[in-house]
């Protein structure tokens, strides 16, 4: 008797969820029918690319985490897609891993680091569907403290007569040789 009450409650709950979600045909097909939809086509409007933190030192050690979330038009996570990201700055930025398969939440995680200061624009691509997401993420790699060994002062010409003009160029760089 106890088992039949539990089964009835589960079925009633599933029916109620099916009514709320408007998914009675999938419910009638069986309890796993809705899960099959998770591998539907990726919607560029429902998917996203985010980064945290958005700015960090350009020390080739600090890591930004890029999160690519793939969803279909109904907002359901799309699982099992091969995803990659790229930086507009090319090989200056190190991205790891090269590609990731989206998990049950539709998420693919990457890390990015760089020794070079500046802004990187990160673009994500669903490699399985050959689909580049229009959303981008921005990472700002910041220069560190000024380094006297990497910075320079140049006077041109090298010798100047009294009353003559000379050009003095000061280039400030951090320990990673970033401006």
Foldseek 3Di string as FASTA:
>chain_A
DVVVVVVVVVLVVLVVVCVVVVNVVQVVVDDCSVVVCLQPDWDLVLKAKEKPPQEEAQQQPDKIKIKTFTAHPVNQGRWQFKKAKQWPVHPQKDKPDRIDTQHNRNIDMIIIHGNEFDKIKMWMARVRVRRTRPHIGIHGHDFDDWDPVLKDWDWPPPDDDPPDDIDIDTGTHHPSSYD
